[in-house]
N, C-alpha and C. Protein backbone atom coordinates (compact mmCIF):
# COMPACT_ATOMS: atom_id res chain seq x y z
N MET A 1 -47.54 -87.47 122.10
CA MET A 1 -48.76 -86.77 122.46
C MET A 1 -49.80 -87.08 121.39
N SER A 2 -50.98 -87.50 121.84
CA SER A 2 -52.04 -87.84 120.89
C SER A 2 -52.66 -86.57 120.29
N PHE A 3 -53.36 -86.76 119.20
CA PHE A 3 -53.99 -85.62 118.54
C PHE A 3 -55.01 -84.95 119.45
N ARG A 4 -55.74 -85.74 120.21
CA ARG A 4 -56.77 -85.16 121.08
C ARG A 4 -56.16 -84.39 122.25
N GLU A 5 -55.00 -84.81 122.70
CA GLU A 5 -54.30 -84.03 123.73
C GLU A 5 -53.81 -82.71 123.12
N LYS A 6 -53.29 -82.77 121.90
CA LYS A 6 -52.89 -81.55 121.20
C LYS A 6 -54.10 -80.64 121.03
N SER A 7 -55.24 -81.24 120.71
CA SER A 7 -56.47 -80.46 120.55
C SER A 7 -56.86 -79.75 121.84
N ALA A 8 -56.70 -80.45 122.96
CA ALA A 8 -57.01 -79.83 124.26
C ALA A 8 -56.07 -78.65 124.53
N TRP A 9 -54.80 -78.80 124.18
CA TRP A 9 -53.85 -77.70 124.32
C TRP A 9 -54.23 -76.53 123.43
N ILE A 10 -54.56 -76.82 122.19
CA ILE A 10 -54.94 -75.76 121.24
C ILE A 10 -56.16 -75.01 121.74
N MET A 11 -57.18 -75.74 122.18
CA MET A 11 -58.40 -75.08 122.64
C MET A 11 -58.17 -74.32 123.95
N SER A 12 -57.31 -74.83 124.81
CA SER A 12 -56.98 -74.11 126.04
C SER A 12 -56.34 -72.77 125.73
N ILE A 13 -55.37 -72.79 124.82
CA ILE A 13 -54.69 -71.55 124.43
C ILE A 13 -55.67 -70.60 123.76
N ALA A 14 -56.52 -71.12 122.87
CA ALA A 14 -57.50 -70.27 122.19
C ALA A 14 -58.46 -69.62 123.19
N LEU A 15 -58.95 -70.41 124.14
CA LEU A 15 -59.87 -69.86 125.15
C LEU A 15 -59.18 -68.85 126.05
N LEU A 16 -57.95 -69.13 126.43
CA LEU A 16 -57.23 -68.17 127.27
C LEU A 16 -57.01 -66.85 126.54
N LEU A 17 -56.56 -66.91 125.29
CA LEU A 17 -56.33 -65.69 124.54
C LEU A 17 -57.64 -64.95 124.25
N GLY A 18 -58.67 -65.69 123.87
CA GLY A 18 -59.97 -65.06 123.64
C GLY A 18 -60.52 -64.42 124.90
N GLY A 19 -60.38 -65.12 126.04
CA GLY A 19 -60.83 -64.56 127.31
C GLY A 19 -60.05 -63.33 127.72
N MET A 20 -58.73 -63.34 127.43
CA MET A 20 -57.92 -62.17 127.76
C MET A 20 -58.35 -60.97 126.91
N VAL A 21 -58.62 -61.19 125.64
CA VAL A 21 -59.08 -60.10 124.77
C VAL A 21 -60.41 -59.56 125.28
N TYR A 22 -61.32 -60.47 125.58
CA TYR A 22 -62.66 -60.06 126.02
C TYR A 22 -62.60 -59.31 127.34
N PHE A 23 -61.99 -59.92 128.34
CA PHE A 23 -62.04 -59.32 129.68
C PHE A 23 -61.11 -58.13 129.83
N SER A 24 -60.04 -58.06 129.08
CA SER A 24 -59.22 -56.83 129.14
C SER A 24 -60.01 -55.65 128.59
N THR A 25 -60.80 -55.89 127.55
CA THR A 25 -61.64 -54.83 127.00
C THR A 25 -62.74 -54.44 127.98
N VAL A 26 -63.38 -55.43 128.59
CA VAL A 26 -64.45 -55.15 129.56
C VAL A 26 -63.91 -54.38 130.76
N VAL A 27 -62.76 -54.78 131.26
CA VAL A 27 -62.19 -54.11 132.42
C VAL A 27 -61.77 -52.68 132.07
N SER A 28 -61.18 -52.49 130.89
CA SER A 28 -60.79 -51.12 130.51
C SER A 28 -62.03 -50.23 130.32
N MET A 29 -63.10 -50.79 129.77
CA MET A 29 -64.34 -50.02 129.64
C MET A 29 -64.91 -49.69 131.02
N TRP A 30 -64.77 -50.62 131.96
CA TRP A 30 -65.25 -50.43 133.33
C TRP A 30 -64.49 -49.29 134.00
N PHE A 31 -63.16 -49.26 133.84
CA PHE A 31 -62.37 -48.20 134.46
C PHE A 31 -62.62 -46.85 133.81
N GLU A 32 -62.85 -46.83 132.51
CA GLU A 32 -63.10 -45.56 131.82
C GLU A 32 -64.42 -44.93 132.23
N SER A 33 -65.46 -45.76 132.33
CA SER A 33 -66.79 -45.21 132.61
C SER A 33 -67.17 -45.28 134.09
N ARG A 34 -66.37 -45.95 134.90
CA ARG A 34 -66.63 -46.10 136.33
C ARG A 34 -67.91 -46.89 136.63
N GLN A 35 -68.36 -47.69 135.65
CA GLN A 35 -69.49 -48.59 135.87
C GLN A 35 -69.29 -49.85 135.03
N VAL A 36 -69.99 -50.91 135.40
CA VAL A 36 -69.83 -52.18 134.70
C VAL A 36 -70.26 -51.99 133.25
N ALA A 37 -69.41 -52.45 132.34
CA ALA A 37 -69.70 -52.33 130.91
C ALA A 37 -70.85 -53.25 130.53
N SER A 38 -71.75 -52.75 129.71
CA SER A 38 -72.84 -53.58 129.20
C SER A 38 -72.30 -54.56 128.18
N PRO A 39 -72.90 -55.74 128.10
CA PRO A 39 -72.48 -56.69 127.06
C PRO A 39 -72.67 -56.06 125.68
N ALA A 40 -71.69 -56.25 124.82
CA ALA A 40 -71.75 -55.66 123.49
C ALA A 40 -71.54 -56.76 122.45
N ILE A 41 -72.41 -56.77 121.47
CA ILE A 41 -72.33 -57.79 120.42
C ILE A 41 -71.00 -57.73 119.68
N PRO A 42 -70.47 -56.56 119.31
CA PRO A 42 -69.18 -56.55 118.61
C PRO A 42 -68.05 -57.18 119.44
N LEU A 43 -68.08 -57.00 120.73
CA LEU A 43 -67.07 -57.58 121.60
C LEU A 43 -67.21 -59.11 121.65
N LEU A 44 -68.45 -59.58 121.71
CA LEU A 44 -68.69 -61.02 121.70
C LEU A 44 -68.29 -61.64 120.36
N VAL A 45 -68.56 -60.92 119.27
CA VAL A 45 -68.16 -61.41 117.95
C VAL A 45 -66.64 -61.49 117.86
N ALA A 46 -65.94 -60.49 118.39
CA ALA A 46 -64.48 -60.51 118.39
C ALA A 46 -63.96 -61.70 119.19
N TYR A 47 -64.58 -61.97 120.33
CA TYR A 47 -64.20 -63.11 121.16
C TYR A 47 -64.35 -64.42 120.39
N VAL A 48 -65.50 -64.58 119.75
CA VAL A 48 -65.76 -65.81 118.99
C VAL A 48 -64.79 -65.93 117.81
N LEU A 49 -64.53 -64.83 117.14
CA LEU A 49 -63.60 -64.87 116.00
C LEU A 49 -62.18 -65.25 116.43
N VAL A 50 -61.72 -64.69 117.54
CA VAL A 50 -60.39 -65.03 118.03
C VAL A 50 -60.31 -66.53 118.32
N ILE A 51 -61.30 -67.06 119.00
CA ILE A 51 -61.29 -68.48 119.33
C ILE A 51 -61.36 -69.34 118.07
N CYS A 52 -62.25 -68.98 117.16
CA CYS A 52 -62.41 -69.77 115.93
C CYS A 52 -61.14 -69.77 115.08
N VAL A 53 -60.55 -68.62 114.88
CA VAL A 53 -59.35 -68.53 114.05
C VAL A 53 -58.22 -69.33 114.69
N LEU A 54 -57.99 -69.15 115.98
CA LEU A 54 -56.92 -69.88 116.66
C LEU A 54 -57.17 -71.39 116.65
N ALA A 55 -58.41 -71.78 116.89
CA ALA A 55 -58.74 -73.21 116.91
C ALA A 55 -58.57 -73.84 115.53
N VAL A 56 -59.06 -73.19 114.51
CA VAL A 56 -58.95 -73.75 113.16
C VAL A 56 -57.49 -73.83 112.73
N LEU A 57 -56.75 -72.75 112.90
CA LEU A 57 -55.34 -72.76 112.51
C LEU A 57 -54.55 -73.80 113.32
N GLY A 58 -54.79 -73.84 114.60
CA GLY A 58 -54.09 -74.80 115.45
C GLY A 58 -54.38 -76.24 115.07
N HIS A 59 -55.64 -76.54 114.79
CA HIS A 59 -56.00 -77.90 114.42
C HIS A 59 -55.49 -78.27 113.03
N ILE A 60 -55.45 -77.32 112.12
CA ILE A 60 -54.88 -77.59 110.79
C ILE A 60 -53.40 -77.93 110.93
N ILE A 61 -52.69 -77.16 111.72
CA ILE A 61 -51.26 -77.42 111.91
C ILE A 61 -51.04 -78.77 112.60
N ALA A 62 -51.81 -79.04 113.65
CA ALA A 62 -51.66 -80.31 114.36
C ALA A 62 -52.01 -81.50 113.47
N ALA A 63 -53.07 -81.37 112.68
CA ALA A 63 -53.48 -82.47 111.80
C ALA A 63 -52.48 -82.68 110.66
N SER A 64 -51.82 -81.63 110.24
CA SER A 64 -50.85 -81.78 109.15
C SER A 64 -49.62 -82.58 109.59
N PHE A 65 -49.29 -82.55 110.87
CA PHE A 65 -48.15 -83.32 111.37
C PHE A 65 -48.49 -84.79 111.58
N THR A 66 -49.73 -85.07 112.00
CA THR A 66 -50.14 -86.46 112.24
C THR A 66 -51.55 -86.69 111.67
N PRO A 67 -51.67 -86.81 110.34
CA PRO A 67 -53.00 -86.97 109.74
C PRO A 67 -53.70 -88.26 110.15
N LYS A 68 -52.95 -89.34 110.37
CA LYS A 68 -53.59 -90.60 110.78
C LYS A 68 -54.21 -90.47 112.17
N ASP A 69 -53.50 -89.80 113.06
CA ASP A 69 -54.01 -89.58 114.42
C ASP A 69 -55.28 -88.73 114.41
N ALA A 70 -55.33 -87.75 113.51
CA ALA A 70 -56.46 -86.84 113.46
C ALA A 70 -57.75 -87.55 113.07
N HIS A 71 -57.63 -88.63 112.30
CA HIS A 71 -58.81 -89.35 111.83
C HIS A 71 -59.10 -90.60 112.64
N ALA A 72 -58.30 -90.89 113.65
CA ALA A 72 -58.47 -92.10 114.45
C ALA A 72 -59.73 -92.01 115.30
N ALA A 73 -60.35 -93.15 115.50
CA ALA A 73 -61.56 -93.21 116.34
C ALA A 73 -61.17 -93.06 117.81
N VAL A 74 -62.12 -92.59 118.60
CA VAL A 74 -61.91 -92.43 120.04
C VAL A 74 -61.88 -93.81 120.68
N ASP A 75 -60.83 -94.09 121.46
CA ASP A 75 -60.76 -95.38 122.13
C ASP A 75 -61.38 -95.29 123.53
N GLU A 76 -61.42 -96.42 124.22
CA GLU A 76 -62.08 -96.48 125.53
C GLU A 76 -61.38 -95.59 126.56
N ARG A 77 -60.07 -95.54 126.53
CA ARG A 77 -59.32 -94.69 127.47
C ARG A 77 -59.67 -93.22 127.26
N GLU A 78 -59.73 -92.80 126.02
CA GLU A 78 -60.07 -91.40 125.74
C GLU A 78 -61.50 -91.09 126.15
N ARG A 79 -62.40 -92.04 125.97
CA ARG A 79 -63.79 -91.83 126.42
C ARG A 79 -63.83 -91.60 127.92
N GLN A 80 -63.06 -92.38 128.66
CA GLN A 80 -63.00 -92.21 130.11
C GLN A 80 -62.40 -90.86 130.48
N ILE A 81 -61.38 -90.44 129.76
CA ILE A 81 -60.76 -89.14 130.01
C ILE A 81 -61.76 -88.03 129.79
N PHE A 82 -62.48 -88.07 128.66
CA PHE A 82 -63.47 -87.02 128.36
C PHE A 82 -64.59 -87.00 129.38
N ASN A 83 -65.07 -88.19 129.77
CA ASN A 83 -66.17 -88.25 130.74
C ASN A 83 -65.75 -87.74 132.11
N ARG A 84 -64.58 -88.17 132.56
CA ARG A 84 -64.11 -87.74 133.89
C ARG A 84 -63.80 -86.25 133.92
N ALA A 85 -63.15 -85.75 132.86
CA ALA A 85 -62.83 -84.32 132.81
C ALA A 85 -64.10 -83.48 132.73
N GLY A 86 -65.04 -83.89 131.90
CA GLY A 86 -66.29 -83.14 131.77
C GLY A 86 -67.10 -83.14 133.05
N HIS A 87 -67.12 -84.29 133.73
CA HIS A 87 -67.86 -84.38 135.00
C HIS A 87 -67.28 -83.45 136.04
N THR A 88 -65.97 -83.47 136.19
CA THR A 88 -65.32 -82.62 137.19
C THR A 88 -65.42 -81.15 136.82
N ALA A 89 -65.26 -80.83 135.54
CA ALA A 89 -65.33 -79.43 135.11
C ALA A 89 -66.73 -78.85 135.26
N SER A 90 -67.75 -79.71 135.23
CA SER A 90 -69.12 -79.20 135.39
C SER A 90 -69.32 -78.59 136.77
N PHE A 91 -68.56 -79.06 137.76
CA PHE A 91 -68.65 -78.47 139.10
C PHE A 91 -68.07 -77.06 139.10
N VAL A 92 -67.03 -76.84 138.30
CA VAL A 92 -66.45 -75.49 138.20
C VAL A 92 -67.48 -74.54 137.60
N SER A 93 -68.12 -74.96 136.52
CA SER A 93 -69.15 -74.12 135.89
C SER A 93 -70.31 -73.86 136.84
N GLY A 94 -70.78 -74.92 137.47
CA GLY A 94 -71.91 -74.78 138.39
C GLY A 94 -71.61 -73.88 139.57
N ALA A 95 -70.43 -74.05 140.15
CA ALA A 95 -70.05 -73.21 141.29
C ALA A 95 -69.90 -71.75 140.86
N GLY A 96 -69.33 -71.53 139.68
CA GLY A 96 -69.18 -70.17 139.17
C GLY A 96 -70.51 -69.50 138.92
N VAL A 97 -71.44 -70.23 138.34
CA VAL A 97 -72.77 -69.65 138.08
C VAL A 97 -73.48 -69.38 139.40
N ALA A 98 -73.37 -70.29 140.37
CA ALA A 98 -73.99 -70.07 141.68
C ALA A 98 -73.41 -68.83 142.36
N MET A 99 -72.08 -68.67 142.29
CA MET A 99 -71.46 -67.48 142.87
C MET A 99 -71.88 -66.22 142.12
N SER A 100 -72.05 -66.33 140.81
CA SER A 100 -72.50 -65.18 140.02
C SER A 100 -73.89 -64.74 140.46
N LEU A 101 -74.75 -65.70 140.73
CA LEU A 101 -76.09 -65.36 141.21
C LEU A 101 -76.03 -64.71 142.59
N GLY A 102 -75.10 -65.17 143.43
CA GLY A 102 -74.91 -64.53 144.73
C GLY A 102 -74.43 -63.10 144.59
N VAL A 103 -73.50 -62.87 143.66
CA VAL A 103 -73.02 -61.51 143.39
C VAL A 103 -74.17 -60.64 142.93
N TYR A 104 -75.04 -61.20 142.09
CA TYR A 104 -76.19 -60.43 141.60
C TYR A 104 -77.12 -60.02 142.74
N LEU A 105 -77.30 -60.90 143.71
CA LEU A 105 -78.19 -60.57 144.84
C LEU A 105 -77.72 -59.33 145.58
N PHE A 106 -76.40 -59.12 145.62
CA PHE A 106 -75.86 -57.96 146.33
C PHE A 106 -75.67 -56.74 145.43
N SER A 107 -75.38 -56.97 144.14
CA SER A 107 -75.08 -55.83 143.26
C SER A 107 -76.29 -55.35 142.46
N GLN A 108 -77.24 -56.24 142.19
CA GLN A 108 -78.42 -55.93 141.37
C GLN A 108 -78.02 -55.43 139.98
N SER A 109 -76.87 -55.89 139.48
CA SER A 109 -76.39 -55.46 138.18
C SER A 109 -76.48 -56.62 137.19
N GLY A 110 -77.38 -56.49 136.24
CA GLY A 110 -77.52 -57.51 135.21
C GLY A 110 -76.29 -57.60 134.33
N ASP A 111 -75.63 -56.46 134.10
CA ASP A 111 -74.40 -56.46 133.31
C ASP A 111 -73.30 -57.27 134.00
N LEU A 112 -73.16 -57.07 135.31
CA LEU A 112 -72.17 -57.83 136.07
C LEU A 112 -72.54 -59.31 136.08
N LEU A 113 -73.81 -59.62 136.19
CA LEU A 113 -74.27 -61.01 136.15
C LEU A 113 -73.87 -61.65 134.82
N PHE A 114 -74.09 -60.97 133.72
CA PHE A 114 -73.72 -61.49 132.41
C PHE A 114 -72.23 -61.82 132.36
N HIS A 115 -71.41 -60.88 132.77
CA HIS A 115 -69.95 -61.07 132.67
C HIS A 115 -69.46 -62.18 133.60
N THR A 116 -70.01 -62.27 134.80
CA THR A 116 -69.55 -63.31 135.73
C THR A 116 -70.02 -64.69 135.29
N VAL A 117 -71.23 -64.80 134.75
CA VAL A 117 -71.68 -66.10 134.24
C VAL A 117 -70.85 -66.49 133.02
N PHE A 118 -70.58 -65.53 132.15
CA PHE A 118 -69.75 -65.78 130.97
C PHE A 118 -68.37 -66.26 131.39
N ALA A 119 -67.78 -65.62 132.39
CA ALA A 119 -66.47 -66.03 132.91
C ALA A 119 -66.55 -67.43 133.52
N SER A 120 -67.64 -67.73 134.21
CA SER A 120 -67.81 -69.05 134.81
C SER A 120 -67.86 -70.14 133.76
N LEU A 121 -68.57 -69.87 132.67
CA LEU A 121 -68.65 -70.84 131.59
C LEU A 121 -67.29 -71.03 130.92
N MET A 122 -66.56 -69.94 130.74
CA MET A 122 -65.21 -70.03 130.17
C MET A 122 -64.30 -70.84 131.09
N LEU A 123 -64.34 -70.55 132.37
CA LEU A 123 -63.49 -71.26 133.33
C LEU A 123 -63.84 -72.75 133.40
N GLY A 124 -65.12 -73.05 133.31
CA GLY A 124 -65.55 -74.45 133.29
C GLY A 124 -65.00 -75.19 132.08
N GLN A 125 -65.05 -74.55 130.92
CA GLN A 125 -64.51 -75.19 129.71
C GLN A 125 -62.99 -75.31 129.78
N LEU A 126 -62.34 -74.28 130.31
CA LEU A 126 -60.88 -74.37 130.50
C LEU A 126 -60.53 -75.50 131.46
N ALA A 127 -61.29 -75.64 132.52
CA ALA A 127 -61.06 -76.72 133.47
C ALA A 127 -61.20 -78.07 132.77
N ASP A 128 -62.18 -78.20 131.89
CA ASP A 128 -62.38 -79.43 131.13
C ASP A 128 -61.13 -79.75 130.30
N TYR A 129 -60.63 -78.78 129.57
CA TYR A 129 -59.44 -79.01 128.74
C TYR A 129 -58.20 -79.29 129.59
N PHE A 130 -58.01 -78.54 130.67
CA PHE A 130 -56.85 -78.77 131.53
C PHE A 130 -56.90 -80.15 132.19
N LEU A 131 -58.10 -80.58 132.58
CA LEU A 131 -58.24 -81.91 133.16
C LEU A 131 -57.98 -83.00 132.12
N GLN A 132 -58.44 -82.77 130.90
CA GLN A 132 -58.13 -83.74 129.84
C GLN A 132 -56.63 -83.90 129.68
N ILE A 133 -55.93 -82.77 129.64
CA ILE A 133 -54.47 -82.81 129.51
C ILE A 133 -53.86 -83.56 130.68
N ARG A 134 -54.32 -83.25 131.87
CA ARG A 134 -53.79 -83.92 133.07
C ARG A 134 -54.05 -85.42 133.02
N PHE A 135 -55.27 -85.81 132.63
CA PHE A 135 -55.59 -87.23 132.59
C PHE A 135 -54.84 -87.95 131.48
N TYR A 136 -54.58 -87.27 130.36
CA TYR A 136 -53.74 -87.88 129.33
C TYR A 136 -52.34 -88.12 129.87
N ARG A 137 -51.85 -87.18 130.65
CA ARG A 137 -50.48 -87.27 131.18
C ARG A 137 -50.35 -88.30 132.30
N THR A 138 -51.38 -88.43 133.12
CA THR A 138 -51.30 -89.33 134.28
C THR A 138 -51.90 -90.69 134.01
N SER A 139 -52.59 -90.85 132.88
CA SER A 139 -53.20 -92.12 132.49
C SER A 139 -54.10 -92.65 133.59
N ILE A 140 -55.36 -92.33 133.48
CA ILE A 140 -56.38 -92.67 134.49
C ILE A 140 -56.16 -94.04 135.08
């Protein structure tokens, strides 16, 4: 497994765990107050910190096992993998944002719009990493 594939795994796990922390808190606040939780800076900071800590620790561990791989230049195959994964994942983000705007038309809730767009962007990035992993495994 190449370092960049390991990186995609690390970032996928970090985003999944960060998203679970963020959305479990938002959903519990929603059930407690019976209304959509407003975006809160401390919650967003916690989300960013979880992702940063997991990403940094994961990449340090991965780089310590294969330091030569970590410093290797991106080859043509990897460029194609990144381009194809990013292109396809952009449709996930775009569709999610479009659906979020549709939800807003019916709910008129800016708080819900924020959370659904945020989720769409997270899902788009997760799709990018999952597609990278898939393309590394199937060799474009």
